[in-house]
Amino acid sequence: MNDRPAEETTIGEAAPAEIAEARPAHIGEPAPAEIAEARPAQIGEPASAAARPDLLADRLPYRIARPYRVRFEEATANESMRTAIYLAWAADIAWQHSTELGFGREWYAERGLFWLVRAIQLDVLRPIPTYAGMLVSTQVLGYRRVAARRESDVRDPSGELAARLLIDWVMTNERGIPTRVPADFLKFVAADTPAIEMHKVALPAAPRDAFERRFHVRRRDLDPLDHVNNSVYVDFLEEALEGAGQGDLLRATPRRYALDFAASAARGESLTGRAWPQDGGWAYRLSREDGTEVFRARVCRL
């Protein structure tokens, strides 16, 4: 992550649906002609087997969609998917899209470049049950000099929207410094896509009676870059809200998460999270021992 300031956002619209053609079916995926109409997926059945064909159709180079399934260990005690999994799915399909366009992790490694998540707006519109098959899409809404915004929709096989994520990514070099996005990437965005303004979560100082939780970064919190994965910060956030007695908020739908990744936490670091009520929702700040902010967030009902 980086400490680069960001501006308040105006949410952009998705790229037009009429662009490009649908892709052929992949091995093991039903061809559109074989699917009469959408039907509920059965337990353990891939979402692609029951999905409307238009939901799985790629519109390259702008958009792809892939089936995902909620595994047992990805669900909570109330049989709904953990919030962190939305972020994991969105990051995974973003890399699939980039790789499909010829920009896989090897391409970035050769050039000393990498994308880091800077901010996310997540709207959870309805719960997703354990073992449910879902369809996740991704598309790039726009670029700034060192940043890009992606939109990911999570839908059931009938097309009903369950969640939407707007994710701001920052391109960095091998020293972790933000660097300009290559000009070649601009062709992956529709010409009429509106300009983006980076998301930001600005919080006041935590009150003296804020709920506080101190902990160390664990080995299981780390990703291949050896820092805390962005989805894990959502677990930190929700553990604090649960401790503050806000379990009902975490089960409410629809609800919104505004997430601002200010810096990265490393292996073994000691962190302090503070949560408090603010403007009808709850605020959260995660800091290092020296007071440096690592992560800021708000959660509220919609």
Protein backbone atom coordinates (compact mmCIF):
# COMPACT_ATOMS: atom_id res chain seq x y z
CA MET A 1 0.00 0.00 0.00
CA ASN A 2 1.03 3.63 -0.19
CA ASP A 3 0.36 6.79 1.76
CA ARG A 4 -0.66 8.81 -1.29
CA PRO A 5 -3.70 11.05 -0.47
CA ALA A 6 -6.90 10.36 -2.39
CA GLU A 7 -9.87 12.49 -3.36
CA GLU A 8 -13.56 11.97 -2.61
CA THR A 9 -15.31 9.93 -5.26
CA THR A 10 -18.14 10.27 -7.69
CA ILE A 11 -19.20 6.77 -8.65
CA GLY A 12 -18.90 6.08 -12.37
CA GLU A 13 -21.24 4.09 -14.57
CA ALA A 14 -20.40 0.71 -16.06
CA ALA A 15 -19.09 0.39 -19.59
CA PRO A 16 -21.84 -0.01 -22.22
CA ALA A 17 -23.19 -3.51 -22.68
CA GLU A 18 -23.19 -3.49 -26.45
CA ILE A 19 -19.40 -3.66 -26.78
CA ALA A 20 -17.78 -6.75 -28.33
CA GLU A 21 -19.10 -10.27 -28.72
CA ALA A 22 -19.65 -13.13 -26.33
CA ARG A 23 -16.85 -15.69 -26.07
CA PRO A 24 -17.21 -19.40 -26.87
CA ALA A 25 -18.04 -21.72 -23.98
CA HIS A 26 -15.04 -23.10 -22.07
CA ILE A 27 -14.51 -26.83 -21.54
CA GLY A 28 -17.06 -28.08 -19.03
CA GLU A 29 -19.26 -25.00 -19.41
CA PRO A 30 -22.67 -25.40 -21.08
CA ALA A 31 -22.93 -23.76 -24.49
CA PRO A 32 -25.63 -21.03 -24.65
CA ALA A 33 -27.79 -23.15 -26.97
CA GLU A 34 -27.99 -25.84 -24.30
CA ILE A 35 -29.42 -23.52 -21.65
CA ALA A 36 -33.15 -22.96 -21.98
CA GLU A 37 -33.61 -20.58 -19.04
CA ALA A 38 -32.09 -19.74 -15.69
CA ARG A 39 -32.91 -22.05 -12.77
CA PRO A 40 -31.63 -22.27 -9.19
CA ALA A 41 -28.29 -24.05 -8.87
CA GLN A 42 -28.32 -27.23 -6.80
CA ILE A 43 -26.05 -27.65 -3.76
CA GLY A 44 -22.54 -28.38 -4.97
CA GLU A 45 -23.43 -27.57 -8.59
CA PRO A 46 -21.39 -24.91 -10.43
CA ALA A 47 -23.30 -21.65 -10.99
CA SER A 48 -22.47 -21.91 -14.69
CA ALA A 49 -24.73 -24.96 -15.02
CA ALA A 50 -27.83 -22.95 -14.09
CA ALA A 51 -26.90 -19.45 -15.26
CA ARG A 52 -28.41 -17.32 -17.95
CA PRO A 53 -25.93 -17.47 -20.85
CA ASP A 54 -25.62 -13.68 -21.12
CA LEU A 55 -24.28 -13.50 -17.56
CA LEU A 56 -21.31 -15.70 -18.44
CA ALA A 57 -20.59 -14.04 -21.76
CA ASP A 58 -17.27 -12.18 -21.84
CA ARG A 59 -17.10 -8.83 -23.62
CA LEU A 60 -13.39 -8.67 -24.29
CA PRO A 61 -11.37 -6.65 -23.81
CA TYR A 62 -13.72 -4.84 -21.42
CA ARG A 63 -15.38 -7.43 -19.20
CA ILE A 64 -15.23 -11.06 -18.10
CA ALA A 65 -17.45 -13.16 -15.79
CA ARG A 66 -16.66 -16.41 -13.98
CA PRO A 67 -18.51 -18.84 -11.68
CA TYR A 68 -17.57 -19.07 -7.99
CA ARG A 69 -18.88 -21.20 -5.13
CA VAL A 70 -19.04 -20.48 -1.41
CA ARG A 71 -16.99 -23.14 0.37
CA PHE A 72 -17.79 -24.37 3.87
CA GLU A 73 -14.80 -22.59 5.44
CA GLU A 74 -15.79 -19.30 3.75
CA ALA A 75 -19.12 -19.09 5.62
CA THR A 76 -20.05 -17.72 9.04
CA ALA A 77 -21.93 -19.43 11.87
CA ASN A 78 -25.20 -18.04 10.45
CA GLU A 79 -24.61 -19.91 7.15
CA SER A 80 -23.80 -16.84 5.05
CA MET A 81 -20.60 -15.98 3.22
CA ARG A 82 -17.95 -13.97 5.09
CA THR A 83 -17.66 -10.39 3.86
CA ALA A 84 -13.93 -10.80 3.21
CA ILE A 85 -14.67 -13.34 0.46
CA TYR A 86 -16.22 -10.66 -1.75
CA LEU A 87 -12.82 -8.96 -1.83
CA ALA A 88 -11.01 -12.23 -2.47
CA TRP A 89 -13.28 -13.03 -5.42
CA ALA A 90 -12.94 -9.53 -6.88
CA ALA A 91 -9.13 -9.63 -6.68
CA ASP A 92 -8.99 -13.10 -8.19
CA ILE A 93 -11.16 -12.29 -11.19
CA ALA A 94 -9.29 -9.02 -11.76
CA TRP A 95 -6.08 -11.05 -12.18
CA GLN A 96 -7.88 -13.50 -14.44
CA HIS A 97 -9.02 -10.60 -16.63
CA SER A 98 -5.56 -9.08 -16.77
CA THR A 99 -4.03 -12.45 -17.64
CA GLU A 100 -6.65 -13.02 -20.35
CA LEU A 101 -5.52 -9.74 -21.94
CA GLY A 102 -1.85 -10.79 -21.88
CA PHE A 103 -0.80 -9.07 -18.64
CA GLY A 104 -0.30 -11.86 -16.13
CA ARG A 105 1.83 -11.79 -13.01
CA GLU A 106 4.93 -12.74 -15.02
CA TRP A 107 4.48 -9.67 -17.25
CA TYR A 108 4.37 -7.40 -14.19
CA ALA A 109 7.28 -9.18 -12.47
CA GLU A 110 9.52 -8.71 -15.52
CA ARG A 111 8.87 -4.95 -15.38
CA GLY A 112 8.95 -4.53 -11.61
CA LEU A 113 5.31 -3.42 -11.53
CA PHE A 114 2.40 -4.41 -9.34
CA TRP A 115 -1.17 -3.36 -8.57
CA LEU A 116 -2.13 -2.67 -4.95
CA VAL A 117 -5.66 -2.08 -3.70
CA ARG A 118 -6.03 1.50 -2.44
CA ALA A 119 -9.74 1.79 -1.61
CA ILE A 120 -12.98 -0.18 -1.95
CA GLN A 121 -16.68 0.55 -1.78
CA LEU A 122 -18.63 -2.66 -1.18
CA ASP A 123 -22.43 -2.85 -1.14
CA VAL A 124 -23.78 -6.13 0.26
CA LEU A 125 -27.37 -6.31 -0.95
CA ARG A 126 -28.38 -9.75 0.29
CA PRO A 127 -26.67 -12.65 2.08
CA ILE A 128 -25.11 -15.50 0.11
CA PRO A 129 -25.60 -18.93 1.73
CA THR A 130 -23.01 -21.67 2.22
CA TYR A 131 -22.29 -23.69 -0.96
CA ALA A 132 -24.14 -21.20 -3.17
CA GLY A 133 -22.96 -20.91 -6.76
CA MET A 134 -22.50 -17.29 -7.86
CA LEU A 135 -21.28 -15.39 -10.92
CA VAL A 136 -18.66 -12.67 -10.54
CA SER A 137 -17.80 -10.12 -13.22
CA THR A 138 -15.09 -7.49 -13.54
CA GLN A 139 -14.45 -4.53 -15.80
CA VAL A 140 -12.20 -1.47 -15.73
CA LEU A 141 -14.21 1.74 -15.36
CA GLY A 142 -11.32 4.13 -15.87
CA TYR A 143 -7.73 5.16 -15.21
CA ARG A 144 -5.90 8.04 -13.60
CA ARG A 145 -2.16 8.57 -13.96
CA VAL A 146 -1.16 5.94 -11.40
CA ALA A 147 -4.52 4.31 -10.66
CA ALA A 148 -7.41 2.32 -12.06
CA ARG A 149 -10.95 1.60 -10.92
CA ARG A 150 -12.61 -1.77 -11.39
CA GLU A 151 -16.23 -2.69 -10.86
CA SER A 152 -17.22 -6.22 -9.86
CA ASP A 153 -20.78 -7.52 -9.64
CA VAL A 154 -21.73 -10.67 -7.74
CA ARG A 155 -24.95 -12.23 -9.05
CA ASP A 156 -26.88 -15.44 -8.58
CA PRO A 157 -27.50 -17.64 -11.65
CA SER A 158 -30.82 -15.86 -12.36
CA GLY A 159 -29.01 -12.51 -12.58
CA GLU A 160 -30.13 -11.04 -9.25
CA LEU A 161 -27.46 -8.70 -7.91
CA ALA A 162 -26.14 -9.77 -4.49
CA ALA A 163 -23.19 -7.35 -4.14
CA ARG A 164 -21.24 -4.71 -6.03
CA LEU A 165 -17.66 -3.60 -5.48
CA LEU A 166 -15.88 -0.50 -6.76
CA ILE A 167 -12.14 -1.02 -6.30
CA ASP A 168 -9.41 1.58 -6.73
CA TRP A 169 -6.02 0.06 -7.57
CA VAL A 170 -2.69 1.90 -7.57
CA MET A 171 0.19 0.79 -9.80
CA THR A 172 3.55 0.69 -8.00
CA ASN A 173 7.13 -0.07 -8.96
CA GLU A 174 9.44 -2.55 -7.22
CA ARG A 175 10.16 0.01 -4.48
CA GLY A 176 6.45 0.40 -3.74
CA ILE A 177 6.28 3.90 -5.24
CA PRO A 178 3.20 4.79 -7.36
CA THR A 179 4.09 4.85 -11.06
CA ARG A 180 2.29 5.80 -14.26
CA VAL A 181 -0.09 3.29 -15.81
CA PRO A 182 1.18 2.15 -19.26
CA ALA A 183 -0.62 3.87 -22.14
CA ASP A 184 -1.48 0.49 -23.67
CA PHE A 185 -3.93 -0.13 -20.82
CA LEU A 186 -6.21 2.72 -21.88
CA LYS A 187 -7.63 0.65 -24.75
CA PHE A 188 -9.30 -1.66 -22.25
CA VAL A 189 -11.76 1.06 -21.20
CA ALA A 190 -14.76 2.16 -23.26
CA ALA A 191 -14.33 5.60 -24.82
CA ASP A 192 -17.38 7.10 -23.05
CA THR A 193 -16.44 5.96 -19.54
CA PRO A 194 -16.59 8.95 -17.13
CA ALA A 195 -13.52 10.19 -15.27
CA ILE A 196 -12.89 8.71 -11.83
CA GLU A 197 -12.08 10.34 -8.51
CA MET A 198 -10.31 8.16 -5.98
CA HIS A 199 -12.24 6.95 -2.94
CA LYS A 200 -11.20 8.18 0.48
CA VAL A 201 -12.35 7.52 4.04
CA ALA A 202 -11.63 10.51 6.29
CA LEU A 203 -12.14 9.88 10.00
CA PRO A 204 -11.93 12.12 13.07
CA ALA A 205 -9.91 11.11 16.11
CA ALA A 206 -11.40 8.10 17.88
CA PRO A 207 -13.31 9.00 21.07
CA ARG A 208 -11.92 7.94 24.43
CA ASP A 209 -14.64 5.29 24.84
CA ALA A 210 -14.03 3.64 21.44
CA PHE A 211 -13.88 -0.15 21.45
CA GLU A 212 -10.21 -1.17 21.28
CA ARG A 213 -8.57 -4.41 20.20
CA ARG A 214 -4.81 -5.04 20.16
CA PHE A 215 -3.30 -7.96 18.28
CA HIS A 216 -0.34 -9.16 16.19
CA VAL A 217 -0.30 -10.03 12.48
CA ARG A 218 -0.41 -13.81 12.15
CA ARG A 219 1.17 -16.02 9.51
CA ARG A 220 -2.27 -16.91 8.11
CA ASP A 221 -3.00 -13.20 7.50
CA LEU A 222 -0.23 -12.89 4.92
CA ASP A 223 -0.36 -13.19 1.14
CA PRO A 224 2.45 -14.03 -1.35
CA LEU A 225 3.82 -10.48 -1.00
CA ASP A 226 4.36 -11.24 2.72
CA HIS A 227 2.02 -8.50 3.90
CA VAL A 228 -1.58 -8.60 5.16
CA ASN A 229 -3.95 -9.35 2.30
CA ASN A 230 -6.58 -6.65 1.71
CA SER A 231 -9.45 -9.07 2.41
CA VAL A 232 -8.04 -9.82 5.88
CA TYR A 233 -8.49 -6.19 6.94
CA VAL A 234 -12.23 -6.75 6.60
CA ASP A 235 -11.94 -9.63 9.07
CA PHE A 236 -10.05 -7.29 11.45
CA LEU A 237 -12.82 -4.70 11.02
CA GLU A 238 -15.65 -7.15 11.62
CA GLU A 239 -13.96 -8.73 14.64
CA ALA A 240 -13.82 -5.26 16.21
CA LEU A 241 -17.46 -4.50 15.38
CA GLU A 242 -18.54 -7.86 16.74
CA GLY A 243 -16.62 -7.09 19.95
CA ALA A 244 -18.38 -3.73 20.13
CA GLY A 245 -21.75 -5.47 20.05
CA GLN A 246 -22.55 -4.73 16.41
CA GLY A 247 -23.30 -8.24 15.19
CA ASP A 248 -26.71 -7.10 13.92
CA LEU A 249 -25.05 -4.52 11.67
CA LEU A 250 -22.81 -7.20 10.16
CA ARG A 251 -25.85 -9.32 9.32
CA ALA A 252 -27.98 -6.44 7.99
CA THR A 253 -28.73 -6.11 4.28
CA PRO A 254 -28.32 -3.95 2.43
CA ARG A 255 -25.18 -2.51 4.01
CA ARG A 256 -22.16 -0.57 2.73
CA TYR A 257 -18.45 -0.81 3.49
CA ALA A 258 -16.11 2.08 2.68
CA LEU A 259 -12.52 0.82 2.97
CA ASP A 260 -9.33 2.89 2.72
CA PHE A 261 -5.97 1.07 2.72
CA ALA A 262 -3.44 3.66 3.89
CA ALA A 263 -0.39 1.41 4.39
CA SER A 264 0.52 -2.27 4.59
CA ALA A 265 0.94 -4.33 7.75
CA ALA A 266 3.74 -6.88 7.82
CA ARG A 267 4.47 -10.20 9.48
CA GLY A 268 4.43 -10.04 13.28
CA GLU A 269 3.49 -6.34 13.53
CA SER A 270 1.58 -5.18 16.58
CA LEU A 271 -1.65 -3.38 15.60
CA THR A 272 -4.43 -1.56 17.41
CA GLY A 273 -7.95 -1.34 16.04
CA ARG A 274 -10.52 1.13 17.37
CA ALA A 275 -14.23 1.17 16.49
CA TRP A 276 -16.89 3.71 17.39
CA PRO A 277 -20.36 4.86 16.24
CA GLN A 278 -20.39 7.66 13.66
CA ASP A 279 -23.12 9.27 11.52
CA GLY A 280 -25.58 6.41 11.87
CA GLY A 281 -22.97 3.72 11.18
CA TRP A 282 -19.63 2.65 12.64
CA ALA A 283 -16.09 3.87 12.02
CA TYR A 284 -12.87 1.88 12.37
CA ARG A 285 -9.19 2.79 12.39
CA LEU A 286 -6.27 0.36 12.45
CA SER A 287 -2.87 1.72 13.48
CA ARG A 288 0.67 0.63 14.23
CA GLU A 289 2.21 1.05 17.67
CA ASP A 290 3.70 4.40 16.63
CA GLY A 291 0.26 5.71 15.61
CA THR A 292 0.73 5.34 11.84
CA GLU A 293 -2.61 4.64 10.18
CA VAL A 294 -2.80 1.37 8.26
CA PHE A 295 -6.52 1.10 7.44
CA ARG A 296 -9.68 3.20 7.79
CA ALA A 297 -13.27 2.09 7.28
CA ARG A 298 -16.94 2.90 7.71
CA VAL A 299 -19.86 0.46 7.78
CA CYS A 300 -23.51 1.50 7.60
CA ARG A 301 -26.94 0.27 6.61
CA LEU A 302 -28.27 1.38 3.24
